[in-house]
Amino acid sequence: MENKGYQVLIKLVRNQSPCHSGHNIGDEWVFNYMTPGGMCGLAYNTIYPVALALQFGATFPWQNDPDVIEVSCPDAEVNNVFELRRVPLK
């Protein structure tokens, strides 16, 4: 059966100072078209286009692993780094 897409998992993996929105390293969300409950909307706006592309099979030339990419939030004081990992839908 042909793959119909992927689920994209979002995980906060590091930051340089505490998050103003209260996110902690290890927090996880599942990508959906709406901002996941409890996730900062500004970070989600940065994550959204990359996660959407991953969901439909896109790759980026700078990725070491085609299923994993890191995206930084726009808050330069905090610099949250989110790992986006795609897994095939069953």
PDB file of N, CA and C in Angstrom:
ATOM      1  N   MET A   1       0.833  -1.182   0.000  1.00  0.00           N
ATOM      2  CA  MET A   1       0.000   0.000   0.000  1.00  0.00           C
ATOM      3  C   MET A   1       0.881   1.250   0.000  1.00  0.00           C
ATOM      4  N   GLU A   2       0.490   2.244  -0.737  1.00  0.00           N
ATOM      5  CA  GLU A   2       1.269   3.472  -0.856  1.00  0.00           C
ATOM      6  C   GLU A   2       1.135   4.335   0.400  1.00  0.00           C
ATOM      7  N   ASN A   3       2.230   5.014   0.747  1.00  0.00           N
ATOM      8  CA  ASN A   3       2.243   5.875   1.925  1.00  0.00           C
ATOM      9  C   ASN A   3       1.371   7.100   1.662  1.00  0.00           C
ATOM     10  N   LYS A   4       0.464   7.394   2.581  1.00  0.00           N
ATOM     11  CA  LYS A   4      -0.454   8.529   2.447  1.00  0.00           C
ATOM     12  C   LYS A   4       0.043   9.759   3.194  1.00  0.00           C
ATOM     13  N   GLY A   5       1.250   9.717   3.670  1.00  0.00           N
ATOM     14  CA  GLY A   5       1.790  10.853   4.410  1.00  0.00           C
ATOM     15  C   GLY A   5       2.423  10.414   5.709  1.00  0.00           C
ATOM     16  N   TYR A   6       2.741  11.388   6.518  1.00  0.00           N
ATOM     17  CA  TYR A   6       3.447  11.149   7.769  1.00  0.00           C
ATOM     18  C   TYR A   6       2.792  11.923   8.897  1.00  0.00           C
ATOM     19  N   GLN A   7       3.028  11.438  10.104  1.00  0.00           N
ATOM     20  CA  GLN A   7       2.714  12.204  11.297  1.00  0.00           C
ATOM     21  C   GLN A   7       4.008  12.904  11.694  1.00  0.00           C
ATOM     22  N   VAL A   8       3.927  14.150  12.133  1.00  0.00           N
ATOM     23  CA  VAL A   8       5.112  14.881  12.535  1.00  0.00           C
ATOM     24  C   VAL A   8       5.029  15.155  14.036  1.00  0.00           C
ATOM     25  N   LEU A   9       6.063  14.729  14.743  1.00  0.00           N
ATOM     26  CA  LEU A   9       6.155  14.925  16.184  1.00  0.00           C
ATOM     27  C   LEU A   9       7.096  16.088  16.453  1.00  0.00           C
ATOM     28  N   ILE A  10       6.731  16.942  17.377  1.00  0.00           N
ATOM     29  CA  ILE A  10       7.507  18.133  17.728  1.00  0.00           C
ATOM     30  C   ILE A  10       7.997  17.961  19.155  1.00  0.00           C
ATOM     31  N   LYS A  11       9.293  18.198  19.369  1.00  0.00           N
ATOM     32  CA  LYS A  11       9.857  18.058  20.716  1.00  0.00           C
ATOM     33  C   LYS A  11      10.852  19.188  20.960  1.00  0.00           C
ATOM     34  N   LEU A  12      10.739  19.839  22.111  1.00  0.00           N
ATOM     35  CA  LEU A  12      11.716  20.857  22.488  1.00  0.00           C
ATOM     36  C   LEU A  12      12.970  20.143  22.979  1.00  0.00           C
ATOM     37  N   VAL A  13      14.088  20.357  22.286  1.00  0.00           N
ATOM     38  CA  VAL A  13      15.310  19.615  22.616  1.00  0.00           C
ATOM     39  C   VAL A  13      16.386  20.451  23.296  1.00  0.00           C
ATOM     40  N   ARG A  14      16.352  21.788  23.140  1.00  0.00           N
ATOM     41  CA  ARG A  14      17.330  22.620  23.852  1.00  0.00           C
ATOM     42  C   ARG A  14      16.945  24.089  23.752  1.00  0.00           C
ATOM     43  N   ASN A  15      17.527  24.871  24.652  1.00  0.00           N
ATOM     44  CA  ASN A  15      17.372  26.320  24.618  1.00  0.00           C
ATOM     45  C   ASN A  15      18.543  26.945  25.362  1.00  0.00           C
ATOM     46  N   GLN A  16      18.695  28.267  25.224  1.00  0.00           N
ATOM     47  CA  GLN A  16      19.814  28.914  25.899  1.00  0.00           C
ATOM     48  C   GLN A  16      19.396  29.595  27.193  1.00  0.00           C
ATOM     49  N   SER A  17      18.095  29.778  27.417  1.00  0.00           N
ATOM     50  CA  SER A  17      17.585  30.320  28.676  1.00  0.00           C
ATOM     51  C   SER A  17      16.124  29.904  28.817  1.00  0.00           C
ATOM     52  N   PRO A  18      15.544  30.051  30.014  1.00  0.00           N
ATOM     53  CA  PRO A  18      14.149  29.620  30.204  1.00  0.00           C
ATOM     54  C   PRO A  18      13.194  30.307  29.227  1.00  0.00           C
ATOM     55  N   CYS A  19      12.240  29.561  28.764  1.00  0.00           N
ATOM     56  CA  CYS A  19      11.265  30.033  27.781  1.00  0.00           C
ATOM     57  C   CYS A  19      10.260  30.967  28.443  1.00  0.00           C
ATOM     58  N   HIS A  20       9.957  32.080  27.769  1.00  0.00           N
ATOM     59  CA  HIS A  20       8.966  33.036  28.271  1.00  0.00           C
ATOM     60  C   HIS A  20       7.557  32.438  28.259  1.00  0.00           C
ATOM     61  N   SER A  21       7.329  31.431  27.431  1.00  0.00           N
ATOM     62  CA  SER A  21       6.015  30.779  27.357  1.00  0.00           C
ATOM     63  C   SER A  21       5.907  29.578  28.284  1.00  0.00           C
ATOM     64  N   GLY A  22       6.982  29.279  29.001  1.00  0.00           N
ATOM     65  CA  GLY A  22       6.943  28.175  29.961  1.00  0.00           C
ATOM     66  C   GLY A  22       7.266  26.811  29.389  1.00  0.00           C
ATOM     67  N   HIS A  23       7.736  26.735  28.147  1.00  0.00           N
ATOM     68  CA  HIS A  23       8.108  25.436  27.585  1.00  0.00           C
ATOM     69  C   HIS A  23       9.373  24.929  28.263  1.00  0.00           C
ATOM     70  N   ASN A  24       9.433  23.617  28.441  1.00  0.00           N
ATOM     71  CA  ASN A  24      10.595  22.974  29.047  1.00  0.00           C
ATOM     72  C   ASN A  24      11.168  21.945  28.098  1.00  0.00           C
ATOM     73  N   ILE A  25      12.472  21.752  28.173  1.00  0.00           N
ATOM     74  CA  ILE A  25      13.112  20.730  27.347  1.00  0.00           C
ATOM     75  C   ILE A  25      12.419  19.393  27.614  1.00  0.00           C
ATOM     76  N   GLY A  26      12.095  18.715  26.526  1.00  0.00           N
ATOM     77  CA  GLY A  26      11.379  17.445  26.620  1.00  0.00           C
ATOM     78  C   GLY A  26       9.895  17.567  26.324  1.00  0.00           C
ATOM     79  N   ASP A  27       9.337  18.797  26.337  1.00  0.00           N
ATOM     80  CA  ASP A  27       7.925  18.974  25.977  1.00  0.00           C
ATOM     81  C   ASP A  27       7.698  18.475  24.555  1.00  0.00           C
ATOM     82  N   GLU A  28       6.545  17.823  24.335  1.00  0.00           N
ATOM     83  CA  GLU A  28       6.245  17.253  23.022  1.00  0.00           C
ATOM     84  C   GLU A  28       4.827  17.586  22.585  1.00  0.00           C
ATOM     85  N   TRP A  29       4.663  17.699  21.283  1.00  0.00           N
ATOM     86  CA  TRP A  29       3.365  17.950  20.671  1.00  0.00           C
ATOM     87  C   TRP A  29       3.286  17.150  19.377  1.00  0.00           C
ATOM     88  N   VAL A  30       2.074  16.967  18.881  1.00  0.00           N
ATOM     89  CA  VAL A  30       1.849  16.345  17.579  1.00  0.00           C
ATOM     90  C   VAL A  30       1.413  17.456  16.628  1.00  0.00           C
ATOM     91  N   PHE A  31       2.056  17.530  15.460  1.00  0.00           N
ATOM     92  CA  PHE A  31       1.706  18.548  14.467  1.00  0.00           C
ATOM     93  C   PHE A  31       0.294  18.331  13.966  1.00  0.00           C
ATOM     94  N   ASN A  32      -0.432  19.429  13.914  1.00  0.00           N
ATOM     95  CA  ASN A  32      -1.763  19.463  13.352  1.00  0.00           C
ATOM     96  C   ASN A  32      -1.871  20.811  12.661  1.00  0.00           C
ATOM     97  N   TYR A  33      -2.929  21.058  11.977  1.00  0.00           N
ATOM     98  CA  TYR A  33      -3.047  22.331  11.278  1.00  0.00           C
ATOM     99  C   TYR A  33      -3.333  23.494  12.223  1.00  0.00           C
ATOM    100  N   MET A  34      -3.767  23.182  13.439  1.00  0.00           N
ATOM    101  CA  MET A  34      -4.018  24.196  14.454  1.00  0.00           C
ATOM    102  C   MET A  34      -2.886  24.138  15.482  1.00  0.00           C
ATOM    103  N   THR A  35      -2.627  25.255  16.133  1.00  0.00           N
ATOM    104  CA  THR A  35      -1.585  25.294  17.155  1.00  0.00           C
ATOM    105  C   THR A  35      -1.944  24.317  18.267  1.00  0.00           C
ATOM    106  N   PRO A  36      -1.045  23.379  18.594  1.00  0.00           N
ATOM    107  CA  PRO A  36      -1.330  22.427  19.672  1.00  0.00           C
ATOM    108  C   PRO A  36      -1.548  23.152  20.996  1.00  0.00           C
ATOM    109  N   GLY A  37      -2.427  22.618  21.818  1.00  0.00           N
ATOM    110  CA  GLY A  37      -2.703  23.196  23.129  1.00  0.00           C
ATOM    111  C   GLY A  37      -1.433  23.407  23.928  1.00  0.00           C
ATOM    112  N   GLY A  38      -1.279  24.604  24.456  1.00  0.00           N
ATOM    113  CA  GLY A  38      -0.130  24.910  25.298  1.00  0.00           C
ATOM    114  C   GLY A  38       1.116  25.344  24.556  1.00  0.00           C
ATOM    115  N   MET A  39       1.110  25.287  23.222  1.00  0.00           N
ATOM    116  CA  MET A  39       2.311  25.681  22.479  1.00  0.00           C
ATOM    117  C   MET A  39       2.243  27.156  22.116  1.00  0.00           C
ATOM    118  N   CYS A  40       3.372  27.818  22.249  1.00  0.00           N
ATOM    119  CA  CYS A  40       3.497  29.225  21.881  1.00  0.00           C
ATOM    120  C   CYS A  40       3.168  29.407  20.395  1.00  0.00           C
ATOM    121  N   GLY A  41       2.279  30.334  20.109  1.00  0.00           N
ATOM    122  CA  GLY A  41       1.878  30.591  18.729  1.00  0.00           C
ATOM    123  C   GLY A  41       3.011  31.103  17.858  1.00  0.00           C
ATOM    124  N   LEU A  42       3.931  31.886  18.441  1.00  0.00           N
ATOM    125  CA  LEU A  42       5.057  32.396  17.655  1.00  0.00           C
ATOM    126  C   LEU A  42       5.993  31.266  17.230  1.00  0.00           C
ATOM    127  N   ALA A  43       6.276  30.353  18.144  1.00  0.00           N
ATOM    128  CA  ALA A  43       7.110  29.200  17.791  1.00  0.00           C
ATOM    129  C   ALA A  43       6.398  28.347  16.740  1.00  0.00           C
ATOM    130  N   TYR A  44       5.084  28.160  16.919  1.00  0.00           N
ATOM    131  CA  TYR A  44       4.330  27.339  15.971  1.00  0.00           C
ATOM    132  C   TYR A  44       4.329  27.954  14.576  1.00  0.00           C
ATOM    133  N   ASN A  45       4.268  29.278  14.495  1.00  0.00           N
ATOM    134  CA  ASN A  45       4.323  29.922  13.181  1.00  0.00           C
ATOM    135  C   ASN A  45       5.623  29.620  12.458  1.00  0.00           C
ATOM    136  N   THR A  46       6.707  29.473  13.192  1.00  0.00           N
ATOM    137  CA  THR A  46       8.000  29.128  12.589  1.00  0.00           C
ATOM    138  C   THR A  46       8.043  27.652  12.204  1.00  0.00           C
ATOM    139  N   ILE A  47       7.491  26.806  13.053  1.00  0.00           N
ATOM    140  CA  ILE A  47       7.502  25.360  12.844  1.00  0.00           C
ATOM    141  C   ILE A  47       6.572  24.935  11.705  1.00  0.00           C
ATOM    142  N   TYR A  48       5.424  25.591  11.590  1.00  0.00           N
ATOM    143  CA  TYR A  48       4.350  25.157  10.708  1.00  0.00           C
ATOM    144  C   TYR A  48       4.783  24.841   9.267  1.00  0.00           C
ATOM    145  N   PRO A  49       5.450  25.749   8.550  1.00  0.00           N
ATOM    146  CA  PRO A  49       5.754  25.420   7.143  1.00  0.00           C
ATOM    147  C   PRO A  49       6.714  24.253   6.994  1.00  0.00           C
ATOM    148  N   VAL A  50       7.636  24.099   7.927  1.00  0.00           N
ATOM    149  CA  VAL A  50       8.596  22.986   7.855  1.00  0.00           C
ATOM    150  C   VAL A  50       7.884  21.673   8.170  1.00  0.00           C
ATOM    151  N   ALA A  51       7.052  21.682   9.208  1.00  0.00           N
ATOM    152  CA  ALA A  51       6.317  20.472   9.583  1.00  0.00           C
ATOM    153  C   ALA A  51       5.356  20.049   8.473  1.00  0.00           C
ATOM    154  N   LEU A  52       4.690  21.016   7.859  1.00  0.00           N
ATOM    155  CA  LEU A  52       3.763  20.701   6.770  1.00  0.00           C
ATOM    156  C   LEU A  52       4.506  20.054   5.604  1.00  0.00           C
ATOM    157  N   ALA A  53       5.665  20.587   5.270  1.00  0.00           N
ATOM    158  CA  ALA A  53       6.469  19.999   4.193  1.00  0.00           C
ATOM    159  C   ALA A  53       6.896  18.574   4.546  1.00  0.00           C
ATOM    160  N   LEU A  54       7.378  18.375   5.788  1.00  0.00           N
ATOM    161  CA  LEU A  54       7.779  17.027   6.213  1.00  0.00           C
ATOM    162  C   LEU A  54       6.612  16.056   6.150  1.00  0.00           C
ATOM    163  N   GLN A  55       5.434  16.533   6.522  1.00  0.00           N
ATOM    164  CA  GLN A  55       4.253  15.678   6.551  1.00  0.00           C
ATOM    165  C   GLN A  55       3.964  15.058   5.184  1.00  0.00           C
ATOM    166  N   PHE A  56       4.332  15.762   4.134  1.00  0.00           N
ATOM    167  CA  PHE A  56       4.045  15.261   2.790  1.00  0.00           C
ATOM    168  C   PHE A  56       5.286  14.793   2.041  1.00  0.00           C
ATOM    169  N   GLY A  57       6.367  14.489   2.805  1.00  0.00           N
ATOM    170  CA  GLY A  57       7.515  13.826   2.208  1.00  0.00           C
ATOM    171  C   GLY A  57       8.682  14.693   1.795  1.00  0.00           C
ATOM    172  N   ALA A  58       8.621  15.990   2.060  1.00  0.00           N
ATOM    173  CA  ALA A  58       9.724  16.867   1.661  1.00  0.00           C
ATOM    174  C   ALA A  58      11.003  16.537   2.430  1.00  0.00           C
ATOM    175  N   THR A  59      12.113  16.826   1.812  1.00  0.00           N
ATOM    176  CA  THR A  59      13.409  16.748   2.483  1.00  0.00           C
ATOM    177  C   THR A  59      14.125  18.066   2.248  1.00  0.00           C
ATOM    178  N   PHE A  60      15.105  18.335   3.086  1.00  0.00           N
ATOM    179  CA  PHE A  60      15.881  19.558   2.988  1.00  0.00           C
ATOM    180  C   PHE A  60      17.343  19.170   2.838  1.00  0.00           C
ATOM    181  N   PRO A  61      18.102  19.822   1.960  1.00  0.00           N
ATOM    182  CA  PRO A  61      19.464  19.377   1.660  1.00  0.00           C
ATOM    183  C   PRO A  61      20.417  19.408   2.847  1.00  0.00           C
ATOM    184  N   TRP A  62      20.122  20.166   3.882  1.00  0.00           N
ATOM    185  CA  TRP A  62      21.020  20.258   5.039  1.00  0.00           C
ATOM    186  C   TRP A  62      20.710  19.235   6.129  1.00  0.00           C
ATOM    187  N   GLN A  63      19.681  18.407   5.949  1.00  0.00           N
ATOM    188  CA  GLN A  63      19.337  17.388   6.936  1.00  0.00           C
ATOM    189  C   GLN A  63      20.303  16.210   6.838  1.00  0.00           C
ATOM    190  N   ASN A  64      20.781  15.754   7.982  1.00  0.00           N
ATOM    191  CA  ASN A  64      21.558  14.510   8.004  1.00  0.00           C
ATOM    192  C   ASN A  64      20.636  13.303   7.897  1.00  0.00           C
ATOM    193  N   ASP A  65      19.470  13.410   8.527  1.00  0.00           N
ATOM    194  CA  ASP A  65      18.456  12.356   8.512  1.00  0.00           C
ATOM    195  C   ASP A  65      17.227  12.950   7.814  1.00  0.00           C
ATOM    196  N   PRO A  66      16.746  12.359   6.739  1.00  0.00           N
ATOM    197  CA  PRO A  66      15.619  12.950   6.015  1.00  0.00           C
ATOM    198  C   PRO A  66      14.322  13.013   6.816  1.00  0.00           C
ATOM    199  N   ASP A  67      14.259  12.304   7.943  1.00  0.00           N
ATOM    200  CA  ASP A  67      13.047  12.289   8.758  1.00  0.00           C
ATOM    201  C   ASP A  67      13.122  13.197   9.978  1.00  0.00           C
ATOM    202  N   VAL A  68      14.233  13.906  10.167  1.00  0.00           N
ATOM    203  CA  VAL A  68      14.419  14.743  11.359  1.00  0.00           C
ATOM    204  C   VAL A  68      15.033  16.077  10.948  1.00  0.00           C
ATOM    205  N   ILE A  69      14.473  17.155  11.492  1.00  0.00           N
ATOM    206  CA  ILE A  69      15.036  18.480  11.260  1.00  0.00           C
ATOM    207  C   ILE A  69      14.822  19.305  12.522  1.00  0.00           C
ATOM    208  N   GLU A  70      15.696  20.261  12.766  1.00  0.00           N
ATOM    209  CA  GLU A  70      15.554  21.152  13.913  1.00  0.00           C
ATOM    210  C   GLU A  70      15.159  22.537  13.433  1.00  0.00           C
ATOM    211  N   VAL A  71      14.267  23.172  14.204  1.00  0.00           N
ATOM    212  CA  VAL A  71      13.757  24.504  13.898  1.00  0.00           C
ATOM    213  C   VAL A  71      13.851  25.332  15.174  1.00  0.00           C
ATOM    214  N   SER A  72      14.336  26.560  15.050  1.00  0.00           N
ATOM    215  CA  SER A  72      14.459  27.449  16.208  1.00  0.00           C
ATOM    216  C   SER A  72      13.280  28.404  16.273  1.00  0.00           C
ATOM    217  N   CYS A  73      12.860  28.712  17.496  1.00  0.00           N
ATOM    218  CA  CYS A  73      11.805  29.709  17.676  1.00  0.00           C
ATOM    219  C   CYS A  73      12.380  31.092  17.389  1.00  0.00           C
ATOM    220  N   PRO A  74      11.524  32.081  17.138  1.00  0.00           N
ATOM    221  CA  PRO A  74      12.019  33.409  16.787  1.00  0.00           C
ATOM    222  C   PRO A  74      12.496  34.247  17.971  1.00  0.00           C
ATOM    223  N   ASP A  75      12.328  33.773  19.197  1.00  0.00           N
ATOM    224  CA  ASP A  75      12.757  34.537  20.369  1.00  0.00           C
ATOM    225  C   ASP A  75      14.254  34.342  20.580  1.00  0.00           C
ATOM    226  N   ALA A  76      15.045  35.315  20.173  1.00  0.00           N
ATOM    227  CA  ALA A  76      16.508  35.194  20.231  1.00  0.00           C
ATOM    228  C   ALA A  76      17.042  35.106  21.655  1.00  0.00           C
ATOM    229  N   GLU A  77      16.316  35.648  22.647  1.00  0.00           N
ATOM    230  CA  GLU A  77      16.766  35.556  24.042  1.00  0.00           C
ATOM    231  C   GLU A  77      16.694  34.125  24.562  1.00  0.00           C
ATOM    232  N   VAL A  78      15.699  33.395  24.111  1.00  0.00           N
ATOM    233  CA  VAL A  78      15.474  32.031  24.589  1.00  0.00           C
ATOM    234  C   VAL A  78      16.116  31.012  23.655  1.00  0.00           C
ATOM    235  N   ASN A  79      15.889  31.200  22.357  1.00  0.00           N
ATOM    236  CA  ASN A  79      16.403  30.303  21.325  1.00  0.00           C
ATOM    237  C   ASN A  79      16.002  28.849  21.562  1.00  0.00           C
ATOM    238  N   ASN A  80      14.684  28.627  21.734  1.00  0.00           N
ATOM    239  CA  ASN A  80      14.199  27.250  21.810  1.00  0.00           C
ATOM    240  C   ASN A  80      14.490  26.550  20.490  1.00  0.00           C
ATOM    241  N   VAL A  81      14.964  25.325  20.568  1.00  0.00           N
ATOM    242  CA  VAL A  81      15.207  24.516  19.375  1.00  0.00           C
ATOM    243  C   VAL A  81      14.283  23.305  19.453  1.00  0.00           C
ATOM    244  N   PHE A  82      13.459  23.166  18.422  1.00  0.00           N
ATOM    245  CA  PHE A  82      12.490  22.081  18.348  1.00  0.00           C
ATOM    246  C   PHE A  82      12.945  21.059  17.320  1.00  0.00           C
ATOM    247  N   GLU A  83      12.867  19.792  17.694  1.00  0.00           N
ATOM    248  CA  GLU A  83      13.125  18.696  16.758  1.00  0.00           C
ATOM    249  C   GLU A  83      11.799  18.294  16.155  1.00  0.00           C
ATOM    250  N   LEU A  84      11.751  18.245  14.834  1.00  0.00           N
ATOM    251  CA  LEU A  84      10.587  17.743  14.119  1.00  0.00           C
ATOM    252  C   LEU A  84      10.954  16.374  13.549  1.00  0.00           C
ATOM    253  N   ARG A  85      10.175  15.380  13.909  1.00  0.00           N
ATOM    254  CA  ARG A  85      10.452  14.005  13.471  1.00  0.00           C
ATOM    255  C   ARG A  85       9.191  13.455  12.808  1.00  0.00           C
ATOM    256  N   ARG A  86       9.366  12.950  11.598  1.00  0.00           N
ATOM    257  CA  ARG A  86       8.205  12.366  10.937  1.00  0.00           C
ATOM    258  C   ARG A  86       8.245  10.852  11.036  1.00  0.00           C
ATOM    259  N   VAL A  87       7.049  10.298  11.166  1.00  0.00           N
ATOM    260  CA  VAL A  87       6.897   8.847  11.203  1.00  0.00           C
ATOM    261  C   VAL A  87       5.774   8.481  10.223  1.00  0.00           C
ATOM    262  N   PRO A  88       5.928   7.394   9.485  1.00  0.00           N
ATOM    263  CA  PRO A  88       4.895   7.020   8.506  1.00  0.00           C
ATOM    264  C   PRO A  88       3.547   6.758   9.174  1.00  0.00           C
ATOM    265  N   LEU A  89       2.484   7.194   8.508  1.00  0.00           N
ATOM    266  CA  LEU A  89       1.129   6.845   8.962  1.00  0.00           C
ATOM    267  C   LEU A  89       0.892   5.376   8.687  1.00  0.00           C
ATOM    268  N   LYS A  90       0.162   4.764   9.519  1.00  0.00           N
ATOM    269  CA  LYS A  90      -0.139   3.334   9.344  1.00  0.00           C
ATOM    270  C   LYS A  90      -1.277   3.144   8.381  1.00  0.00           C
TER     271      LYS A  90
END
